[in-house]
Amino acid sequence: MPRAVIDKVDWDCEVITNFSDVKPWLQMRPVSGIDWVFEQVEEAIILEDDCLADPSFFRFCEELLERYRNDERVAMIGGINFLGNYQTKYQSYYFSLFGGTWGWATWRRAWKLNDPDIEALASDSGNGPSRKIFPIPEQCNYWKDYFRRSATARSPMHGIISGCCRAG
């Protein structure tokens, strides 16, 4: 299905493809695909093959990719609003330690920091990287277990990327 959808792109943009015959749920294919992307470009918008993005998502990503291009505190721009119906009239987006990869954007500089070795994170103890991200031990243990399960689980992704991680 994704290949047929890509053929229907009718707006002004550059679409670069790198198809694989590897089954898409194999955990390292997304990593190798994104590695390939960042051999070609400095920044990218990435969608899971079964997600539908609202057109505002692309404008949102384009704007924030430019705004935070050189800000190393920001590693990705997410397309999912995990706050639900949280409303604010002051912000159109929020910062979080947690990001979803159904629809997102990032830079080569940030992708270079990616370490797909979940076991290294899961076996981390003491004051290593996972403790810096999750300073509360229960929080750290929850997310280490979550990442450990996610590395081997296959979960169907349904839905539409809407709200573009905007708080309102």
Protein backbone atom coordinates (compact mmCIF):
# COMPACT_ATOMS: atom_id res chain seq x y z
CA MET A 1 0.00 0.00 0.00
CA PRO A 2 2.64 2.69 0.82
CA ARG A 3 4.14 2.52 -2.68
CA ALA A 4 0.73 3.17 -4.25
CA VAL A 5 0.13 6.13 -1.94
CA ILE A 6 3.50 7.68 -2.76
CA ASP A 7 2.62 7.59 -6.46
CA LYS A 8 -0.39 9.82 -5.68
CA VAL A 9 1.62 12.69 -4.14
CA ASP A 10 0.43 15.67 -6.17
CA TRP A 11 1.87 18.64 -4.32
CA ASP A 12 5.15 20.45 -4.87
CA CYS A 13 7.75 18.49 -2.91
CA GLU A 14 10.67 16.17 -3.39
CA VAL A 15 9.88 12.55 -2.56
CA ILE A 16 12.90 10.30 -2.13
CA THR A 17 12.25 6.60 -1.70
CA ASN A 18 14.26 3.65 -0.45
CA PHE A 19 12.05 0.58 -0.59
CA SER A 20 13.11 -2.70 0.92
CA ASP A 21 11.89 -6.23 0.47
CA VAL A 22 12.55 -6.81 4.16
CA LYS A 23 9.34 -7.26 6.13
CA PRO A 24 8.53 -3.80 7.53
CA TRP A 25 8.02 -4.96 11.11
CA LEU A 26 11.60 -6.13 11.47
CA GLN A 27 12.97 -3.75 14.04
CA MET A 28 16.16 -2.67 12.29
CA ARG A 29 14.59 -1.75 8.93
CA PRO A 30 13.38 1.65 10.12
CA VAL A 31 16.85 2.37 11.47
CA SER A 32 18.61 1.40 8.24
CA GLY A 33 16.04 3.34 6.22
CA ILE A 34 16.51 6.49 8.27
CA ASP A 35 20.29 6.03 8.17
CA TRP A 36 19.95 6.05 4.38
CA VAL A 37 17.77 9.19 4.49
CA PHE A 38 20.42 11.10 6.41
CA GLU A 39 23.10 10.07 3.94
CA GLN A 40 21.02 12.09 1.43
CA VAL A 41 19.65 15.09 3.38
CA GLU A 42 20.20 17.19 6.53
CA GLU A 43 16.62 17.04 7.81
CA ALA A 44 13.58 14.92 7.10
CA ILE A 45 9.91 14.39 7.84
CA ILE A 46 9.21 10.73 8.53
CA LEU A 47 5.84 8.97 8.51
CA GLU A 48 4.94 5.41 9.40
CA ASP A 49 3.50 3.66 6.38
CA ASP A 50 0.03 3.36 7.90
CA CYS A 51 -0.45 6.92 9.12
CA LEU A 52 -2.26 9.76 7.45
CA ALA A 53 -0.94 13.22 8.20
CA ASP A 54 -3.03 16.35 8.20
CA PRO A 55 -1.55 18.93 5.77
CA SER A 56 -0.84 21.23 8.72
CA PHE A 57 1.63 18.60 10.00
CA PHE A 58 4.02 19.32 7.13
CA ARG A 59 3.89 23.09 7.64
CA PHE A 60 4.37 22.57 11.38
CA CYS A 61 7.44 20.39 10.80
CA GLU A 62 8.90 22.73 8.21
CA GLU A 63 8.56 25.72 10.54
CA LEU A 64 10.04 23.96 13.58
CA LEU A 65 12.81 22.21 11.64
CA GLU A 66 14.01 25.66 10.67
CA ARG A 67 13.44 27.25 14.09
CA TYR A 68 15.30 24.55 16.07
CA ARG A 69 17.82 23.51 13.41
CA ASN A 70 20.82 24.51 15.53
CA ASP A 71 19.31 23.98 18.97
CA GLU A 72 20.79 20.74 20.27
CA ARG A 73 18.24 20.61 23.09
CA VAL A 74 15.62 19.64 20.50
CA ALA A 75 16.09 16.23 18.89
CA MET A 76 12.76 15.70 17.14
CA ILE A 77 9.44 17.26 16.25
CA GLY A 78 6.54 14.97 16.99
CA GLY A 79 3.24 14.74 15.19
CA ILE A 80 1.22 13.22 18.02
CA ASN A 81 -0.36 15.23 20.82
CA PHE A 82 0.01 13.09 23.93
CA LEU A 83 -1.72 15.76 26.03
CA GLY A 84 -5.12 14.86 24.63
CA ASN A 85 -7.65 17.66 24.98
CA TYR A 86 -5.35 19.96 26.94
CA GLN A 87 -6.17 23.50 25.89
CA THR A 88 -4.07 26.62 26.06
CA LYS A 89 -4.34 29.92 24.29
CA TYR A 90 -0.66 30.71 24.75
CA GLN A 91 1.25 27.87 23.07
CA SER A 92 0.80 26.03 19.81
CA TYR A 93 3.19 23.23 20.81
CA TYR A 94 4.94 21.84 23.87
CA PHE A 95 8.29 20.30 24.80
CA SER A 96 8.52 16.77 26.13
CA LEU A 97 11.07 14.08 26.93
CA PHE A 98 8.78 11.59 25.17
CA GLY A 99 8.28 11.50 21.43
CA GLY A 100 6.29 9.29 19.12
CA THR A 101 7.54 8.07 15.78
CA TRP A 102 4.28 7.68 13.87
CA GLY A 103 4.83 11.04 12.24
CA TRP A 104 7.88 13.09 13.13
CA ALA A 105 10.74 15.18 11.84
CA THR A 106 14.38 15.39 12.80
CA TRP A 107 17.83 16.45 11.70
CA ARG A 108 20.91 14.46 10.76
CA ARG A 109 22.68 15.99 13.77
CA ALA A 110 20.08 14.45 16.10
CA TRP A 111 19.82 11.12 14.31
CA LYS A 112 23.57 10.63 14.77
CA LEU A 113 22.84 10.44 18.51
CA ASN A 114 20.39 7.56 18.05
CA ASP A 115 21.46 4.28 19.64
CA PRO A 116 19.16 1.42 18.65
CA ASP A 117 20.74 -0.85 21.28
CA ILE A 118 17.80 -1.01 23.69
CA GLU A 119 19.55 -3.57 25.85
CA ALA A 120 22.32 -1.07 26.61
CA LEU A 121 19.69 1.35 27.91
CA ALA A 122 17.81 -1.41 29.70
CA SER A 123 20.94 -2.66 31.46
CA ASP A 124 21.99 0.83 32.47
CA SER A 125 22.33 1.28 36.21
CA GLY A 126 23.43 4.01 38.51
CA ASN A 127 23.83 7.45 36.95
CA GLY A 128 23.96 6.52 33.26
CA PRO A 129 21.90 7.97 30.41
CA SER A 130 18.55 6.52 31.46
CA ARG A 131 18.86 8.02 34.96
CA LYS A 132 19.55 11.45 33.45
CA ILE A 133 16.43 11.25 31.30
CA PHE A 134 14.24 9.65 33.99
CA PRO A 135 15.54 10.77 37.40
CA ILE A 136 12.73 9.08 39.38
CA PRO A 137 13.66 5.37 39.75
CA GLU A 138 10.10 4.10 39.16
CA GLN A 139 9.85 6.23 36.03
CA CYS A 140 13.22 4.96 34.82
CA ASN A 141 12.25 1.32 35.41
CA TYR A 142 8.87 1.76 33.71
CA TRP A 143 10.42 3.21 30.54
CA LYS A 144 13.29 0.72 30.45
CA ASP A 145 10.72 -2.08 30.58
CA TYR A 146 8.60 -0.33 27.96
CA PHE A 147 11.56 0.05 25.59
CA ARG A 148 12.65 -3.53 26.20
CA ARG A 149 9.17 -4.81 25.26
CA SER A 150 8.88 -2.41 22.32
CA ALA A 151 12.12 -3.65 20.83
CA THR A 152 10.60 -7.07 20.25
CA ALA A 153 6.86 -6.36 20.02
CA ARG A 154 4.84 -5.64 16.92
CA SER A 155 1.99 -3.27 17.48
CA PRO A 156 -0.38 -2.22 14.72
CA MET A 157 -0.48 1.51 14.17
CA HIS A 158 -3.88 2.89 13.27
CA GLY A 159 -5.13 6.38 13.08
CA ILE A 160 -4.51 9.81 11.77
CA ILE A 161 -1.79 12.15 12.86
CA SER A 162 -3.76 15.16 13.95
CA GLY A 163 -2.99 18.17 16.08
CA CYS A 164 0.65 17.91 15.06
CA CYS A 165 1.78 17.83 18.66
CA ARG A 166 0.10 21.18 19.11
CA ALA A 167 -1.30 21.74 22.55
CA GLY A 168 -4.43 23.45 21.34
